[in-house]
Amino acid sequence: MVSITTIDKVIQLANQRQEAYQNYLKKYRPSGVVDIMSDQFHNTPEYQVYEAADRKLDAFLNDLSYEAIKDLQTIMYVGRGDFEEDIPVKDPF
């Protein structure tokens, strides 16, 4: 079973990545439209912070065992409520 410390670390790193990405978007992509082929803003400090946060999260996840990844996926699945879509609805009639 994955430890609470590992879960907390993944959440922390994911939040840092999300915050860095939102800061980048607010400054350079206020309309929310992202041209994935354009790299004109990739040398900005905000994008570099985002890239660093992304690499940090990626490295942490890649160091986890297969079992820990499965546990994290299960926790995310249940936490988001995805399982509710898998429960068949009983016919009320």
N, C-alpha and C. Protein backbone atom coordinates (compact mmCIF):
# COMPACT_ATOMS: atom_id res chain seq x y z
N MET A 1 0.85 -1.19 0.00
CA MET A 1 0.00 0.00 0.00
C MET A 1 0.88 1.24 0.00
N VAL A 2 0.52 2.21 -0.77
CA VAL A 2 1.26 3.46 -0.86
C VAL A 2 1.11 4.22 0.47
N SER A 3 2.18 4.86 0.87
CA SER A 3 2.16 5.56 2.16
C SER A 3 1.47 6.92 2.04
N ILE A 4 0.99 7.40 3.16
CA ILE A 4 0.37 8.73 3.23
C ILE A 4 1.39 9.79 2.83
N THR A 5 2.63 9.60 3.21
CA THR A 5 3.69 10.55 2.85
C THR A 5 3.83 10.65 1.34
N THR A 6 3.78 9.52 0.66
CA THR A 6 3.89 9.52 -0.80
C THR A 6 2.68 10.21 -1.43
N ILE A 7 1.50 9.92 -0.91
CA ILE A 7 0.29 10.56 -1.43
C ILE A 7 0.38 12.07 -1.25
N ASP A 8 0.78 12.51 -0.07
CA ASP A 8 0.92 13.94 0.20
C ASP A 8 1.94 14.59 -0.74
N LYS A 9 3.05 13.89 -1.00
CA LYS A 9 4.09 14.42 -1.88
C LYS A 9 3.58 14.56 -3.31
N VAL A 10 2.83 13.57 -3.78
CA VAL A 10 2.27 13.64 -5.13
C VAL A 10 1.29 14.81 -5.23
N ILE A 11 0.45 14.97 -4.24
CA ILE A 11 -0.50 16.08 -4.23
C ILE A 11 0.23 17.42 -4.21
N GLN A 12 1.25 17.52 -3.37
CA GLN A 12 2.03 18.75 -3.28
C GLN A 12 2.69 19.09 -4.62
N LEU A 13 3.34 18.11 -5.23
CA LEU A 13 4.02 18.35 -6.51
C LEU A 13 3.02 18.67 -7.62
N ALA A 14 1.88 17.99 -7.62
CA ALA A 14 0.86 18.25 -8.63
C ALA A 14 0.27 19.65 -8.45
N ASN A 15 0.06 20.06 -7.22
CA ASN A 15 -0.44 21.42 -6.97
C ASN A 15 0.57 22.48 -7.39
N GLN A 16 1.84 22.24 -7.13
CA GLN A 16 2.88 23.18 -7.56
C GLN A 16 2.92 23.28 -9.08
N ARG A 17 2.80 22.14 -9.75
CA ARG A 17 2.79 22.13 -11.21
C ARG A 17 1.58 22.90 -11.74
N GLN A 18 0.42 22.64 -11.17
CA GLN A 18 -0.80 23.31 -11.61
C GLN A 18 -0.72 24.82 -11.38
N GLU A 19 -0.20 25.22 -10.23
CA GLU A 19 -0.06 26.65 -9.93
C GLU A 19 0.90 27.32 -10.89
N ALA A 20 2.01 26.68 -11.19
CA ALA A 20 2.98 27.24 -12.13
C ALA A 20 2.37 27.36 -13.52
N TYR A 21 1.62 26.36 -13.93
CA TYR A 21 0.98 26.40 -15.24
C TYR A 21 -0.06 27.52 -15.30
N GLN A 22 -0.85 27.67 -14.25
CA GLN A 22 -1.87 28.73 -14.22
C GLN A 22 -1.21 30.11 -14.26
N ASN A 23 -0.09 30.28 -13.55
CA ASN A 23 0.63 31.56 -13.59
C ASN A 23 1.13 31.86 -14.99
N TYR A 24 1.63 30.84 -15.66
CA TYR A 24 2.09 31.00 -17.04
C TYR A 24 0.92 31.38 -17.95
N LEU A 25 -0.19 30.66 -17.82
CA LEU A 25 -1.35 30.96 -18.67
C LEU A 25 -1.89 32.36 -18.45
N LYS A 26 -1.99 32.77 -17.18
CA LYS A 26 -2.53 34.10 -16.88
C LYS A 26 -1.71 35.19 -17.54
N LYS A 27 -0.41 35.03 -17.56
CA LYS A 27 0.44 36.08 -18.09
C LYS A 27 0.56 36.05 -19.61
N TYR A 28 0.69 34.86 -20.18
CA TYR A 28 0.98 34.77 -21.61
C TYR A 28 -0.14 34.22 -22.46
N ARG A 29 -1.13 33.63 -21.86
CA ARG A 29 -2.26 33.07 -22.59
C ARG A 29 -3.57 33.42 -21.88
N PRO A 30 -3.86 34.71 -21.69
CA PRO A 30 -5.04 35.09 -20.91
C PRO A 30 -6.36 34.62 -21.54
N SER A 31 -6.37 34.40 -22.84
CA SER A 31 -7.61 33.94 -23.48
C SER A 31 -7.85 32.46 -23.21
N GLY A 32 -6.81 31.77 -22.73
CA GLY A 32 -6.93 30.34 -22.46
C GLY A 32 -6.61 29.48 -23.67
N VAL A 33 -6.45 30.12 -24.83
CA VAL A 33 -6.13 29.38 -26.05
C VAL A 33 -4.63 29.14 -26.08
N VAL A 34 -4.26 27.90 -26.25
CA VAL A 34 -2.85 27.54 -26.28
C VAL A 34 -2.52 26.95 -27.64
N ASP A 35 -1.58 27.59 -28.33
CA ASP A 35 -1.10 27.07 -29.61
C ASP A 35 0.08 26.17 -29.30
N ILE A 36 -0.13 24.86 -29.36
CA ILE A 36 0.92 23.93 -28.96
C ILE A 36 2.12 23.95 -29.89
N MET A 37 1.96 24.49 -31.07
CA MET A 37 3.09 24.58 -32.00
C MET A 37 3.94 25.82 -31.76
N SER A 38 3.42 26.77 -31.03
CA SER A 38 4.15 28.01 -30.76
C SER A 38 5.02 27.85 -29.53
N ASP A 39 6.27 28.25 -29.68
CA ASP A 39 7.18 28.17 -28.53
C ASP A 39 7.73 29.55 -28.16
N GLN A 40 7.02 30.59 -28.58
CA GLN A 40 7.52 31.93 -28.35
C GLN A 40 7.63 32.31 -26.88
N PHE A 41 6.90 31.65 -26.01
CA PHE A 41 6.94 31.98 -24.60
C PHE A 41 7.70 30.96 -23.77
N HIS A 42 8.32 29.98 -24.41
CA HIS A 42 8.98 28.91 -23.69
C HIS A 42 10.25 29.35 -22.96
N ASN A 43 10.78 30.48 -23.28
CA ASN A 43 11.97 30.97 -22.59
C ASN A 43 11.64 31.94 -21.46
N THR A 44 10.37 32.09 -21.15
CA THR A 44 9.98 33.00 -20.08
C THR A 44 10.22 32.35 -18.72
N PRO A 45 10.43 33.17 -17.70
CA PRO A 45 10.63 32.62 -16.35
C PRO A 45 9.44 31.79 -15.88
N GLU A 46 8.23 32.22 -16.21
CA GLU A 46 7.04 31.50 -15.78
C GLU A 46 6.97 30.10 -16.40
N TYR A 47 7.31 30.02 -17.67
CA TYR A 47 7.30 28.71 -18.33
C TYR A 47 8.40 27.82 -17.78
N GLN A 48 9.54 28.39 -17.48
CA GLN A 48 10.65 27.61 -16.93
C GLN A 48 10.28 27.04 -15.55
N VAL A 49 9.57 27.83 -14.75
CA VAL A 49 9.10 27.34 -13.44
C VAL A 49 8.12 26.19 -13.65
N TYR A 50 7.23 26.34 -14.62
CA TYR A 50 6.28 25.27 -14.94
C TYR A 50 7.02 24.00 -15.38
N GLU A 51 7.97 24.15 -16.28
CA GLU A 51 8.73 22.99 -16.77
C GLU A 51 9.47 22.29 -15.63
N ALA A 52 10.05 23.08 -14.73
CA ALA A 52 10.77 22.49 -13.58
C ALA A 52 9.81 21.71 -12.68
N ALA A 53 8.64 22.29 -12.43
CA ALA A 53 7.64 21.61 -11.60
C ALA A 53 7.16 20.33 -12.28
N ASP A 54 6.99 20.39 -13.58
CA ASP A 54 6.54 19.22 -14.34
C ASP A 54 7.60 18.10 -14.29
N ARG A 55 8.85 18.47 -14.48
CA ARG A 55 9.94 17.48 -14.41
C ARG A 55 10.05 16.86 -13.02
N LYS A 56 9.86 17.68 -11.98
CA LYS A 56 9.95 17.20 -10.61
C LYS A 56 8.85 16.18 -10.32
N LEU A 57 7.62 16.48 -10.73
CA LEU A 57 6.51 15.55 -10.55
C LEU A 57 6.76 14.28 -11.35
N ASP A 58 7.18 14.43 -12.58
CA ASP A 58 7.44 13.29 -13.44
C ASP A 58 8.52 12.37 -12.85
N ALA A 59 9.59 12.97 -12.37
CA ALA A 59 10.68 12.19 -11.78
C ALA A 59 10.21 11.44 -10.53
N PHE A 60 9.42 12.11 -9.71
CA PHE A 60 8.92 11.47 -8.49
C PHE A 60 8.03 10.27 -8.84
N LEU A 61 7.12 10.47 -9.78
CA LEU A 61 6.22 9.39 -10.17
C LEU A 61 6.97 8.23 -10.81
N ASN A 62 7.98 8.54 -11.61
CA ASN A 62 8.76 7.49 -12.27
C ASN A 62 9.59 6.66 -11.29
N ASP A 63 9.86 7.21 -10.12
CA ASP A 63 10.63 6.48 -9.11
C ASP A 63 9.75 5.55 -8.26
N LEU A 64 8.43 5.68 -8.38
CA LEU A 64 7.53 4.85 -7.58
C LEU A 64 7.42 3.45 -8.18
N SER A 65 7.08 2.52 -7.33
CA SER A 65 6.88 1.14 -7.79
C SER A 65 5.56 1.03 -8.55
N TYR A 66 5.46 -0.05 -9.29
CA TYR A 66 4.22 -0.33 -10.02
C TYR A 66 3.03 -0.43 -9.07
N GLU A 67 3.24 -1.07 -7.94
CA GLU A 67 2.17 -1.22 -6.95
C GLU A 67 1.73 0.14 -6.39
N ALA A 68 2.69 1.02 -6.14
CA ALA A 68 2.36 2.36 -5.62
C ALA A 68 1.56 3.15 -6.66
N ILE A 69 1.93 3.02 -7.93
CA ILE A 69 1.20 3.71 -9.00
C ILE A 69 -0.23 3.19 -9.07
N LYS A 70 -0.40 1.88 -8.98
CA LYS A 70 -1.76 1.31 -8.99
C LYS A 70 -2.58 1.83 -7.82
N ASP A 71 -1.96 1.91 -6.65
CA ASP A 71 -2.66 2.44 -5.47
C ASP A 71 -3.07 3.90 -5.69
N LEU A 72 -2.16 4.70 -6.23
CA LEU A 72 -2.46 6.11 -6.51
C LEU A 72 -3.60 6.24 -7.51
N GLN A 73 -3.59 5.40 -8.54
CA GLN A 73 -4.66 5.44 -9.53
C GLN A 73 -6.01 5.09 -8.90
N THR A 74 -6.00 4.13 -8.02
CA THR A 74 -7.24 3.75 -7.33
C THR A 74 -7.75 4.88 -6.46
N ILE A 75 -6.85 5.49 -5.71
CA ILE A 75 -7.23 6.61 -4.85
C ILE A 75 -7.79 7.76 -5.68
N MET A 76 -7.16 8.07 -6.82
CA MET A 76 -7.66 9.13 -7.69
C MET A 76 -9.04 8.77 -8.25
N TYR A 77 -9.21 7.53 -8.66
CA TYR A 77 -10.46 7.05 -9.22
C TYR A 77 -11.61 7.22 -8.22
N VAL A 78 -11.37 6.77 -7.00
CA VAL A 78 -12.40 6.87 -5.97
C VAL A 78 -12.59 8.33 -5.54
N GLY A 79 -11.50 9.06 -5.40
CA GLY A 79 -11.56 10.44 -4.95
C GLY A 79 -12.32 11.36 -5.89
N ARG A 80 -12.23 11.08 -7.19
CA ARG A 80 -12.94 11.89 -8.17
C ARG A 80 -14.39 11.47 -8.32
N GLY A 81 -14.73 10.31 -7.76
CA GLY A 81 -16.10 9.82 -7.87
C GLY A 81 -16.36 9.09 -9.18
N ASP A 82 -15.30 8.70 -9.89
CA ASP A 82 -15.48 8.01 -11.17
C ASP A 82 -16.26 6.71 -11.03
N PHE A 83 -16.15 6.08 -9.88
CA PHE A 83 -16.80 4.78 -9.69
C PHE A 83 -18.31 4.88 -9.79
N GLU A 84 -18.86 6.06 -9.52
CA GLU A 84 -20.31 6.23 -9.57
C GLU A 84 -20.84 5.99 -10.98
N GLU A 85 -20.03 6.28 -11.99
CA GLU A 85 -20.44 6.06 -13.37
C GLU A 85 -20.48 4.58 -13.70
N ASP A 86 -19.75 3.77 -12.95
CA ASP A 86 -19.68 2.34 -13.21
C ASP A 86 -20.78 1.54 -12.52
N ILE A 87 -21.51 2.19 -11.62
CA ILE A 87 -22.56 1.50 -10.87
C ILE A 87 -23.83 1.51 -11.72
N PRO A 88 -24.34 0.33 -12.04
CA PRO A 88 -25.56 0.30 -12.87
C PRO A 88 -26.75 0.91 -12.12
N VAL A 89 -27.52 1.67 -12.83
CA VAL A 89 -28.70 2.30 -12.25
C VAL A 89 -29.84 1.30 -12.32
N LYS A 90 -30.49 1.09 -11.18
CA LYS A 90 -31.61 0.17 -11.15
C LYS A 90 -32.85 0.82 -11.75
N ASP A 91 -33.54 0.04 -12.51
CA ASP A 91 -34.77 0.51 -13.11
C ASP A 91 -35.83 0.65 -12.00
N PRO A 92 -36.37 1.87 -11.80
CA PRO A 92 -37.32 2.08 -10.70
C PRO A 92 -38.65 1.38 -10.92
N PHE A 93 -38.88 0.82 -12.10
CA PHE A 93 -40.18 0.20 -12.40
C PHE A 93 -40.10 -1.28 -12.33
